[in-house]
Amino acid sequence: MAKAKSERKRKRGKIFIIALAALIFAEIGYICGTTGICFHWGNPPPPDFNAVLQASQAYVFFNGNVTVEKPPVYQTAYVYVLPYQPGIVYPDQLIARIVLDASQGPVYIVPLPVTSAAVVPSDFYELLPTNAKFPVVLLAPNPNNVRIVYDWASGEAHRLGLTVDLTRVLRFQIVNGTVQSAIIV
């Protein structure tokens, strides 16, 4: 009888340990699964700039010409994210700053539509310089890919401590393929 009692206690102890381990495993799985800690389901990483290039049509202003082509990839460049609506007029100080940056390196101009209107490249033909030392590339996002541009800009701005406001101009500096700085212009 004494032997049977000790065997039952041992068996109950093993069952208790197995049940406790299963409960702990289930709780850890639940926490990781719902918060995305383990598999990053909670917040997907923002797209990189290559996704912005792929989601856009490029208009390259260089050597006195404007050419439509596949977006060129520059590892070191300036990126301006501008609020856009058809017929918008940008301040002369902004254009002067773009010209100054185009004398130091390639510049990407990324208009971000405030409304559902598509980007009209001809709105930029008289604004952007065609005779700068480096190319100025207008990246007109396809209407159904605007979210990619917004996610990239807001992700990089947030990473650098800024907030994206569709009424302000953001200027990013890319060095060796990664965003190094961002300012509100």
N, C-alpha and C. Protein backbone atom coordinates (compact mmCIF):
# COMPACT_ATOMS: atom_id res chain seq x y z
N MET A 1 0.81 -1.19 0.00
CA MET A 1 0.00 0.00 0.00
C MET A 1 0.86 1.26 0.00
N ALA A 2 1.94 1.23 0.80
CA ALA A 2 2.83 2.38 0.88
C ALA A 2 3.53 2.61 -0.44
N LYS A 3 3.86 1.49 -1.10
CA LYS A 3 4.53 1.60 -2.39
C LYS A 3 3.59 2.21 -3.43
N ALA A 4 2.35 1.85 -3.41
CA ALA A 4 1.37 2.37 -4.36
C ALA A 4 1.14 3.86 -4.15
N LYS A 5 1.15 4.31 -2.87
CA LYS A 5 0.97 5.74 -2.58
C LYS A 5 2.13 6.56 -3.13
N SER A 6 3.35 6.09 -2.93
CA SER A 6 4.51 6.84 -3.41
C SER A 6 4.57 6.86 -4.93
N GLU A 7 4.13 5.77 -5.56
CA GLU A 7 4.08 5.75 -7.02
C GLU A 7 3.05 6.73 -7.55
N ARG A 8 1.91 6.81 -6.86
CA ARG A 8 0.87 7.76 -7.27
C ARG A 8 1.37 9.19 -7.11
N LYS A 9 2.06 9.46 -5.99
CA LYS A 9 2.60 10.81 -5.78
C LYS A 9 3.60 11.17 -6.88
N ARG A 10 4.47 10.23 -7.20
CA ARG A 10 5.46 10.46 -8.24
C ARG A 10 4.78 10.68 -9.59
N LYS A 11 3.76 9.86 -9.88
CA LYS A 11 3.02 9.99 -11.13
C LYS A 11 2.30 11.34 -11.19
N ARG A 12 1.68 11.74 -10.08
CA ARG A 12 1.01 13.05 -10.02
C ARG A 12 2.02 14.18 -10.18
N GLY A 13 3.18 14.02 -9.59
CA GLY A 13 4.23 15.04 -9.71
C GLY A 13 4.69 15.20 -11.16
N LYS A 14 4.86 14.07 -11.86
CA LYS A 14 5.25 14.12 -13.27
C LYS A 14 4.16 14.78 -14.11
N ILE A 15 2.92 14.43 -13.84
CA ILE A 15 1.80 15.04 -14.58
C ILE A 15 1.75 16.53 -14.31
N PHE A 16 1.97 16.93 -13.05
CA PHE A 16 1.96 18.35 -12.70
C PHE A 16 3.07 19.10 -13.45
N ILE A 17 4.27 18.55 -13.50
CA ILE A 17 5.39 19.19 -14.19
C ILE A 17 5.09 19.31 -15.68
N ILE A 18 4.54 18.26 -16.28
CA ILE A 18 4.21 18.30 -17.71
C ILE A 18 3.13 19.34 -17.98
N ALA A 19 2.11 19.39 -17.12
CA ALA A 19 1.03 20.37 -17.29
C ALA A 19 1.56 21.79 -17.12
N LEU A 20 2.43 21.99 -16.13
CA LEU A 20 3.02 23.32 -15.91
C LEU A 20 3.88 23.74 -17.10
N ALA A 21 4.67 22.82 -17.64
CA ALA A 21 5.51 23.13 -18.81
C ALA A 21 4.63 23.47 -20.02
N ALA A 22 3.54 22.73 -20.20
CA ALA A 22 2.63 23.00 -21.32
C ALA A 22 1.98 24.38 -21.15
N LEU A 23 1.59 24.71 -19.93
CA LEU A 23 0.98 26.02 -19.67
C LEU A 23 1.97 27.15 -19.95
N ILE A 24 3.20 27.01 -19.49
CA ILE A 24 4.22 28.04 -19.74
C ILE A 24 4.49 28.17 -21.23
N PHE A 25 4.62 27.05 -21.92
CA PHE A 25 4.85 27.06 -23.37
C PHE A 25 3.69 27.76 -24.09
N ALA A 26 2.46 27.46 -23.69
CA ALA A 26 1.29 28.08 -24.32
C ALA A 26 1.26 29.58 -24.06
N GLU A 27 1.58 30.01 -22.85
CA GLU A 27 1.58 31.45 -22.53
C GLU A 27 2.65 32.19 -23.33
N ILE A 28 3.83 31.62 -23.42
CA ILE A 28 4.91 32.26 -24.19
C ILE A 28 4.51 32.33 -25.66
N GLY A 29 3.94 31.27 -26.19
CA GLY A 29 3.48 31.28 -27.59
C GLY A 29 2.41 32.32 -27.83
N TYR A 30 1.48 32.44 -26.89
CA TYR A 30 0.41 33.43 -27.02
C TYR A 30 0.98 34.85 -27.03
N ILE A 31 1.88 35.14 -26.09
CA ILE A 31 2.47 36.48 -26.00
C ILE A 31 3.27 36.79 -27.26
N CYS A 32 4.10 35.87 -27.70
CA CYS A 32 4.89 36.11 -28.91
C CYS A 32 4.01 36.24 -30.14
N GLY A 33 2.98 35.44 -30.23
CA GLY A 33 2.11 35.46 -31.39
C GLY A 33 1.26 36.70 -31.49
N THR A 34 0.78 37.22 -30.37
CA THR A 34 -0.11 38.39 -30.43
C THR A 34 0.64 39.70 -30.48
N THR A 35 1.83 39.76 -29.92
CA THR A 35 2.57 41.02 -29.93
C THR A 35 3.52 41.13 -31.11
N GLY A 36 3.86 40.02 -31.73
CA GLY A 36 4.79 40.05 -32.85
C GLY A 36 6.24 40.13 -32.42
N ILE A 37 6.51 39.87 -31.15
CA ILE A 37 7.88 39.96 -30.65
C ILE A 37 8.80 38.99 -31.38
N CYS A 38 8.36 37.76 -31.55
CA CYS A 38 9.22 36.74 -32.16
C CYS A 38 9.27 36.82 -33.67
N PHE A 39 8.13 37.06 -34.31
CA PHE A 39 8.08 36.96 -35.76
C PHE A 39 7.80 38.29 -36.43
N HIS A 40 7.84 39.39 -35.70
CA HIS A 40 7.64 40.75 -36.23
C HIS A 40 6.33 40.90 -36.99
N TRP A 41 5.28 40.27 -36.47
CA TRP A 41 3.97 40.41 -37.11
C TRP A 41 3.33 41.72 -36.75
N GLY A 42 3.68 42.31 -35.61
CA GLY A 42 3.01 43.52 -35.14
C GLY A 42 3.22 44.70 -36.06
N ASN A 43 4.45 45.06 -36.33
CA ASN A 43 4.78 46.19 -37.19
C ASN A 43 5.78 45.74 -38.24
N PRO A 44 5.35 45.61 -39.48
CA PRO A 44 6.32 45.23 -40.50
C PRO A 44 7.33 46.35 -40.71
N PRO A 45 8.54 46.01 -41.08
CA PRO A 45 9.54 47.05 -41.30
C PRO A 45 9.12 47.92 -42.49
N PRO A 46 9.47 49.22 -42.44
CA PRO A 46 9.11 50.08 -43.57
C PRO A 46 9.86 49.66 -44.83
N PRO A 47 9.29 49.95 -46.00
CA PRO A 47 9.99 49.60 -47.24
C PRO A 47 11.28 50.40 -47.37
N ASP A 48 12.24 49.89 -48.12
CA ASP A 48 13.46 50.64 -48.34
C ASP A 48 13.30 51.53 -49.58
N PHE A 49 14.32 52.33 -49.85
CA PHE A 49 14.21 53.30 -50.94
C PHE A 49 14.12 52.60 -52.30
N ASN A 50 14.67 51.41 -52.41
CA ASN A 50 14.54 50.67 -53.67
C ASN A 50 13.08 50.39 -54.01
N ALA A 51 12.25 50.17 -52.98
CA ALA A 51 10.82 49.96 -53.22
C ALA A 51 10.17 51.23 -53.75
N VAL A 52 10.64 52.39 -53.27
CA VAL A 52 10.13 53.67 -53.78
C VAL A 52 10.52 53.83 -55.25
N LEU A 53 11.76 53.47 -55.58
CA LEU A 53 12.21 53.56 -56.97
C LEU A 53 11.38 52.65 -57.88
N GLN A 54 11.08 51.46 -57.42
CA GLN A 54 10.32 50.52 -58.23
C GLN A 54 8.86 50.93 -58.37
N ALA A 55 8.35 51.69 -57.42
CA ALA A 55 6.94 52.10 -57.44
C ALA A 55 6.73 53.40 -58.20
N SER A 56 7.79 53.94 -58.81
CA SER A 56 7.71 55.26 -59.43
C SER A 56 8.20 55.25 -60.87
N GLN A 57 7.74 56.24 -61.61
CA GLN A 57 8.25 56.52 -62.96
C GLN A 57 9.25 57.66 -62.81
N ALA A 58 10.41 57.55 -63.44
CA ALA A 58 11.46 58.56 -63.28
C ALA A 58 11.49 59.51 -64.46
N TYR A 59 11.61 60.80 -64.15
CA TYR A 59 11.84 61.86 -65.13
C TYR A 59 13.16 62.50 -64.72
N VAL A 60 14.19 62.31 -65.54
CA VAL A 60 15.54 62.76 -65.19
C VAL A 60 15.81 64.10 -65.86
N PHE A 61 16.09 65.11 -65.04
CA PHE A 61 16.42 66.46 -65.51
C PHE A 61 17.94 66.57 -65.47
N PHE A 62 18.58 66.59 -66.67
CA PHE A 62 20.04 66.62 -66.69
C PHE A 62 20.51 67.00 -68.09
N ASN A 63 21.60 67.74 -68.16
CA ASN A 63 22.22 68.18 -69.42
C ASN A 63 21.23 68.89 -70.34
N GLY A 64 20.37 69.70 -69.77
CA GLY A 64 19.41 70.47 -70.56
C GLY A 64 18.24 69.68 -71.09
N ASN A 65 18.11 68.43 -70.69
CA ASN A 65 17.03 67.57 -71.19
C ASN A 65 16.22 66.98 -70.04
N VAL A 66 15.04 66.52 -70.39
CA VAL A 66 14.22 65.73 -69.47
C VAL A 66 13.95 64.40 -70.16
N THR A 67 14.41 63.33 -69.55
CA THR A 67 14.20 62.00 -70.13
C THR A 67 13.36 61.15 -69.19
N VAL A 68 12.55 60.29 -69.79
CA VAL A 68 11.73 59.35 -69.02
C VAL A 68 12.43 58.01 -69.10
N GLU A 69 12.75 57.45 -67.95
CA GLU A 69 13.49 56.19 -67.94
C GLU A 69 13.25 55.45 -66.64
N LYS A 70 13.88 54.29 -66.55
CA LYS A 70 13.84 53.52 -65.31
C LYS A 70 14.60 54.33 -64.25
N PRO A 71 14.09 54.39 -63.02
CA PRO A 71 14.76 55.22 -62.01
C PRO A 71 16.22 54.80 -61.79
N PRO A 72 17.15 55.75 -61.94
CA PRO A 72 18.54 55.43 -61.65
C PRO A 72 18.74 55.28 -60.14
N VAL A 73 19.68 54.43 -59.75
CA VAL A 73 19.96 54.20 -58.34
C VAL A 73 21.27 54.90 -57.99
N TYR A 74 21.19 55.84 -57.06
CA TYR A 74 22.38 56.53 -56.56
C TYR A 74 22.55 56.15 -55.09
N GLN A 75 23.74 55.71 -54.72
CA GLN A 75 24.00 55.31 -53.34
C GLN A 75 24.11 56.51 -52.41
N THR A 76 24.48 57.66 -52.96
CA THR A 76 24.57 58.88 -52.18
C THR A 76 23.76 59.94 -52.90
N ALA A 77 22.73 60.46 -52.23
CA ALA A 77 21.83 61.41 -52.89
C ALA A 77 21.01 62.15 -51.84
N TYR A 78 20.32 63.19 -52.30
CA TYR A 78 19.35 63.90 -51.48
C TYR A 78 17.96 63.51 -51.98
N VAL A 79 17.02 63.37 -51.05
CA VAL A 79 15.65 63.01 -51.42
C VAL A 79 14.71 64.04 -50.80
N TYR A 80 13.93 64.69 -51.64
CA TYR A 80 12.92 65.63 -51.17
C TYR A 80 11.55 64.98 -51.34
N VAL A 81 10.81 64.89 -50.25
CA VAL A 81 9.43 64.40 -50.30
C VAL A 81 8.53 65.62 -50.15
N LEU A 82 7.79 65.92 -51.23
CA LEU A 82 6.99 67.15 -51.29
C LEU A 82 5.50 66.84 -51.24
N PRO A 83 4.73 67.66 -50.53
CA PRO A 83 3.27 67.52 -50.68
C PRO A 83 2.90 67.95 -52.09
N TYR A 84 1.95 67.28 -52.70
CA TYR A 84 1.63 67.58 -54.08
C TYR A 84 0.12 67.56 -54.31
N GLN A 85 -0.31 68.55 -55.08
CA GLN A 85 -1.63 68.54 -55.70
C GLN A 85 -1.47 69.28 -57.01
N PRO A 86 -2.24 68.94 -58.03
CA PRO A 86 -2.05 69.56 -59.34
C PRO A 86 -2.09 71.09 -59.27
N GLY A 87 -1.10 71.72 -59.92
CA GLY A 87 -1.03 73.17 -59.97
C GLY A 87 -0.39 73.82 -58.76
N ILE A 88 0.15 73.05 -57.83
CA ILE A 88 0.74 73.63 -56.63
C ILE A 88 1.97 74.46 -57.00
N VAL A 89 2.19 75.53 -56.26
CA VAL A 89 3.35 76.40 -56.47
C VAL A 89 4.27 76.24 -55.26
N TYR A 90 5.51 75.90 -55.52
CA TYR A 90 6.49 75.71 -54.45
C TYR A 90 7.28 77.00 -54.25
N PRO A 91 7.71 77.30 -53.02
CA PRO A 91 8.46 78.53 -52.76
C PRO A 91 9.81 78.55 -53.49
N ASP A 92 10.24 79.75 -53.84
CA ASP A 92 11.53 79.91 -54.52
C ASP A 92 12.69 79.42 -53.66
N GLN A 93 12.59 79.57 -52.33
CA GLN A 93 13.66 79.11 -51.44
C GLN A 93 13.84 77.60 -51.54
N LEU A 94 12.75 76.87 -51.71
CA LEU A 94 12.84 75.42 -51.85
C LEU A 94 13.54 75.05 -53.16
N ILE A 95 13.16 75.72 -54.24
CA ILE A 95 13.79 75.44 -55.53
C ILE A 95 15.28 75.79 -55.48
N ALA A 96 15.62 76.90 -54.82
CA ALA A 96 17.03 77.29 -54.68
C ALA A 96 17.81 76.24 -53.89
N ARG A 97 17.18 75.68 -52.87
CA ARG A 97 17.86 74.64 -52.09
C ARG A 97 18.07 73.37 -52.91
N ILE A 98 17.08 73.03 -53.73
CA ILE A 98 17.21 71.86 -54.61
C ILE A 98 18.35 72.08 -55.60
N VAL A 99 18.44 73.28 -56.16
CA VAL A 99 19.52 73.61 -57.10
C VAL A 99 20.87 73.51 -56.39
N LEU A 100 20.96 74.01 -55.16
CA LEU A 100 22.21 73.94 -54.40
C LEU A 100 22.59 72.48 -54.14
N ASP A 101 21.63 71.67 -53.73
CA ASP A 101 21.93 70.25 -53.50
C ASP A 101 22.32 69.54 -54.78
N ALA A 102 21.72 69.92 -55.92
CA ALA A 102 22.05 69.30 -57.20
C ALA A 102 23.46 69.68 -57.66
N SER A 103 24.04 70.70 -57.06
CA SER A 103 25.43 71.03 -57.37
C SER A 103 26.39 70.18 -56.54
N GLN A 104 25.86 69.49 -55.52
CA GLN A 104 26.70 68.66 -54.65
C GLN A 104 26.49 67.17 -54.84
N GLY A 105 25.35 66.78 -55.41
CA GLY A 105 25.06 65.36 -55.62
C GLY A 105 23.71 65.17 -56.27
N PRO A 106 23.39 63.96 -56.69
CA PRO A 106 22.08 63.70 -57.30
C PRO A 106 20.94 64.00 -56.32
N VAL A 107 19.81 64.43 -56.87
CA VAL A 107 18.64 64.78 -56.06
C VAL A 107 17.43 64.03 -56.59
N TYR A 108 16.72 63.39 -55.69
CA TYR A 108 15.43 62.78 -56.02
C TYR A 108 14.33 63.70 -55.51
N ILE A 109 13.33 63.96 -56.34
CA ILE A 109 12.15 64.72 -55.93
C ILE A 109 10.99 63.72 -55.94
N VAL A 110 10.36 63.54 -54.79
CA VAL A 110 9.26 62.58 -54.67
C VAL A 110 8.00 63.33 -54.24
N PRO A 111 7.12 63.66 -55.20
CA PRO A 111 5.86 64.31 -54.83
C PRO A 111 4.90 63.30 -54.20
N LEU A 112 4.35 63.65 -53.07
CA LEU A 112 3.41 62.79 -52.36
C LEU A 112 2.03 63.42 -52.45
N PRO A 113 1.13 62.86 -53.27
CA PRO A 113 -0.18 63.48 -53.48
C PRO A 113 -0.97 63.63 -52.18
N VAL A 114 -1.48 64.85 -51.97
CA VAL A 114 -2.31 65.14 -50.80
C VAL A 114 -3.73 64.62 -51.04
N THR A 115 -4.15 64.68 -52.29
CA THR A 115 -5.47 64.17 -52.68
C THR A 115 -5.28 62.88 -53.46
N SER A 116 -6.33 62.38 -54.03
CA SER A 116 -6.22 61.13 -54.80
C SER A 116 -5.74 61.37 -56.23
N ALA A 117 -5.40 62.61 -56.56
CA ALA A 117 -4.95 62.94 -57.91
C ALA A 117 -3.58 62.34 -58.20
N ALA A 118 -3.36 61.98 -59.44
CA ALA A 118 -2.06 61.46 -59.86
C ALA A 118 -1.08 62.62 -60.05
N VAL A 119 0.20 62.32 -59.96
CA VAL A 119 1.24 63.33 -60.16
C VAL A 119 1.32 63.66 -61.64
N VAL A 120 1.30 64.96 -61.94
CA VAL A 120 1.42 65.44 -63.32
C VAL A 120 2.85 65.96 -63.49
N PRO A 121 3.71 65.24 -64.20
CA PRO A 121 5.12 65.64 -64.32
C PRO A 121 5.31 67.03 -64.91
N SER A 122 4.41 67.46 -65.79
CA SER A 122 4.58 68.78 -66.42
C SER A 122 4.51 69.91 -65.40
N ASP A 123 3.95 69.66 -64.21
CA ASP A 123 3.95 70.68 -63.16
C ASP A 123 5.37 71.00 -62.70
N PHE A 124 6.33 70.12 -62.98
CA PHE A 124 7.70 70.30 -62.50
C PHE A 124 8.67 70.71 -63.59
N TYR A 125 8.24 70.72 -64.85
CA TYR A 125 9.17 70.98 -65.95
C TYR A 125 9.83 72.35 -65.85
N GLU A 126 9.11 73.36 -65.46
CA GLU A 126 9.70 74.70 -65.38
C GLU A 126 10.35 74.98 -64.03
N LEU A 127 10.06 74.15 -63.04
CA LEU A 127 10.61 74.37 -61.70
C LEU A 127 12.00 73.78 -61.51
N LEU A 128 12.17 72.55 -61.97
CA LEU A 128 13.40 71.83 -61.66
C LEU A 128 14.51 72.15 -62.66
N PRO A 129 15.74 72.25 -62.16
CA PRO A 129 16.85 72.59 -63.05
C PRO A 129 17.23 71.43 -63.97
N THR A 130 17.55 71.77 -65.22
CA THR A 130 18.02 70.74 -66.16
C THR A 130 19.52 70.87 -66.40
N ASN A 131 20.12 71.93 -65.86
CA ASN A 131 21.53 72.18 -66.14
C ASN A 131 22.39 72.14 -64.88
N ALA A 132 21.98 71.41 -63.86
CA ALA A 132 22.76 71.30 -62.64
C ALA A 132 23.94 70.35 -62.87
N LYS A 133 24.89 70.38 -61.95
CA LYS A 133 26.07 69.53 -62.06
C LYS A 133 25.70 68.04 -61.98
N PHE A 134 24.70 67.72 -61.15
CA PHE A 134 24.24 66.34 -60.98
C PHE A 134 22.77 66.25 -61.39
N PRO A 135 22.29 65.06 -61.73
CA PRO A 135 20.89 64.92 -62.16
C PRO A 135 19.88 65.20 -61.04
N VAL A 136 18.74 65.73 -61.45
CA VAL A 136 17.59 65.87 -60.58
C VAL A 136 16.55 64.89 -61.12
N VAL A 137 16.13 63.94 -60.29
CA VAL A 137 15.23 62.87 -60.73
C VAL A 137 13.87 63.05 -60.07
N LEU A 138 12.86 63.31 -60.88
CA LEU A 138 11.49 63.38 -60.40
C LEU A 138 10.94 61.96 -60.38
N LEU A 139 10.56 61.48 -59.21
CA LEU A 139 9.97 60.15 -59.07
C LEU A 139 8.47 60.31 -58.89
N ALA A 140 7.73 60.06 -59.94
CA ALA A 140 6.27 60.17 -59.89
C ALA A 140 5.70 58.80 -59.52
N PRO A 141 5.23 58.65 -58.27
CA PRO A 141 4.70 57.33 -57.89
C PRO A 141 3.41 57.01 -58.63
N ASN A 142 3.26 55.74 -58.98
CA ASN A 142 2.01 55.30 -59.57
C ASN A 142 0.90 55.49 -58.54
N PRO A 143 -0.31 55.87 -58.97
CA PRO A 143 -1.38 56.16 -58.00
C PRO A 143 -1.65 55.05 -56.99
N ASN A 144 -1.53 53.80 -57.39
CA ASN A 144 -1.78 52.73 -56.43
C ASN A 144 -0.55 52.35 -55.61
N ASN A 145 0.58 53.03 -55.81
CA ASN A 145 1.79 52.76 -55.03
C ASN A 145 2.19 53.93 -54.14
N VAL A 146 1.32 54.90 -53.98
CA VAL A 146 1.64 56.07 -53.15
C VAL A 146 1.89 55.64 -51.71
N ARG A 147 1.20 54.61 -51.26
CA ARG A 147 1.35 54.13 -49.88
C ARG A 147 2.78 53.67 -49.61
N ILE A 148 3.44 53.09 -50.60
CA ILE A 148 4.83 52.66 -50.43
C ILE A 148 5.72 53.86 -50.14
N VAL A 149 5.51 54.94 -50.89
CA VAL A 149 6.30 56.16 -50.69
C VAL A 149 6.03 56.73 -49.30
N TYR A 150 4.76 56.80 -48.93
CA TYR A 150 4.40 57.35 -47.62
C TYR A 150 4.99 56.49 -46.50
N ASP A 151 4.89 55.17 -46.62
CA ASP A 151 5.43 54.28 -45.59
C ASP A 151 6.95 54.43 -45.47
N TRP A 152 7.64 54.57 -46.61
CA TRP A 152 9.10 54.75 -46.56
C TRP A 152 9.43 56.07 -45.86
N ALA A 153 8.80 57.16 -46.31
CA ALA A 153 9.10 58.48 -45.75
C ALA A 153 8.76 58.55 -44.26
N SER A 154 7.60 58.04 -43.88
CA SER A 154 7.22 58.11 -42.47
C SER A 154 8.08 57.18 -41.63
N GLY A 155 8.45 56.02 -42.16
CA GLY A 155 9.32 55.11 -41.41
C GLY A 155 10.70 55.70 -41.16
N GLU A 156 11.30 56.27 -42.20
CA GLU A 156 12.63 56.88 -42.04
C GLU A 156 12.56 58.13 -41.16
N ALA A 157 11.53 58.95 -41.35
CA ALA A 157 11.39 60.15 -40.52
C ALA A 157 11.20 59.77 -39.06
N HIS A 158 10.36 58.78 -38.82
CA HIS A 158 10.12 58.33 -37.44
C HIS A 158 11.41 57.78 -36.82
N ARG A 159 12.16 57.03 -37.60
CA ARG A 159 13.43 56.47 -37.11
C ARG A 159 14.40 57.58 -36.71
N LEU A 160 14.32 58.72 -37.42
CA LEU A 160 15.22 59.84 -37.14
C LEU A 160 14.58 60.90 -36.25
N GLY A 161 13.40 60.62 -35.70
CA GLY A 161 12.79 61.53 -34.73
C GLY A 161 11.89 62.60 -35.31
N LEU A 162 11.46 62.48 -36.56
CA LEU A 162 10.56 63.46 -37.17
C LEU A 162 9.20 62.81 -37.41
N THR A 163 8.19 63.67 -37.58
CA THR A 163 6.88 63.16 -37.95
C THR A 163 6.55 63.64 -39.35
N VAL A 164 5.86 62.79 -40.10
CA VAL A 164 5.50 63.14 -41.47
C VAL A 164 4.18 63.89 -41.45
N ASP A 165 4.20 65.05 -42.05
CA ASP A 165 3.00 65.88 -42.20
C ASP A 165 2.88 66.16 -43.69
N LEU A 166 1.75 65.84 -44.28
CA LEU A 166 1.60 65.97 -45.73
C LEU A 166 1.61 67.41 -46.21
N THR A 167 1.71 68.38 -45.32
CA THR A 167 1.76 69.78 -45.74
C THR A 167 3.18 70.33 -45.70
N ARG A 168 4.16 69.53 -45.30
CA ARG A 168 5.54 70.00 -45.18
C ARG A 168 6.48 69.20 -46.07
N VAL A 169 7.61 69.82 -46.37
CA VAL A 169 8.62 69.19 -47.22
C VAL A 169 9.66 68.52 -46.32
N LEU A 170 9.98 67.26 -46.61
CA LEU A 170 11.03 66.55 -45.90
C LEU A 170 12.22 66.38 -46.82
N ARG A 171 13.41 66.55 -46.27
CA ARG A 171 14.65 66.35 -47.04
C ARG A 171 15.48 65.28 -46.34
N PHE A 172 15.72 64.19 -47.05
CA PHE A 172 16.53 63.10 -46.54
C PHE A 172 17.88 63.11 -47.23
N GLN A 173 18.91 62.72 -46.51
CA GLN A 173 20.22 62.55 -47.13
C GLN A 173 20.59 61.07 -47.05
N ILE A 174 20.81 60.49 -48.22
CA ILE A 174 21.20 59.08 -48.30
C ILE A 174 22.70 59.02 -48.55
N VAL A 175 23.40 58.28 -47.71
CA VAL A 175 24.84 58.09 -47.85
C VAL A 175 25.11 56.58 -47.85
N ASN A 176 25.78 56.11 -48.87
CA ASN A 176 26.09 54.68 -49.03
C ASN A 176 24.83 53.81 -48.92
N GLY A 177 23.74 54.29 -49.49
CA GLY A 177 22.52 53.50 -49.56
C GLY A 177 21.62 53.54 -48.35
N THR A 178 22.02 54.23 -47.28
CA THR A 178 21.17 54.32 -46.09
C THR A 178 20.90 55.79 -45.75
N VAL A 179 19.72 56.03 -45.21
CA VAL A 179 19.34 57.40 -44.84
C VAL A 179 20.12 57.80 -43.59
N GLN A 180 20.88 58.90 -43.71
CA GLN A 180 21.70 59.36 -42.59
C GLN A 180 21.05 60.50 -41.82
N SER A 181 20.28 61.34 -42.53
CA SER A 181 19.67 62.48 -41.84
C SER A 181 18.38 62.87 -42.53
N ALA A 182 17.54 63.57 -41.79
CA ALA A 182 16.28 64.07 -42.32
C ALA A 182 15.98 65.39 -41.64
N ILE A 183 15.50 66.35 -42.43
CA ILE A 183 15.09 67.64 -41.86
C ILE A 183 13.78 68.05 -42.51
N ILE A 184 13.07 68.92 -41.82
CA ILE A 184 11.86 69.52 -42.38
C ILE A 184 12.29 70.84 -43.00
N VAL A 185 12.00 71.01 -44.28
CA VAL A 185 12.41 72.22 -45.00
C VAL A 185 11.29 73.23 -44.95
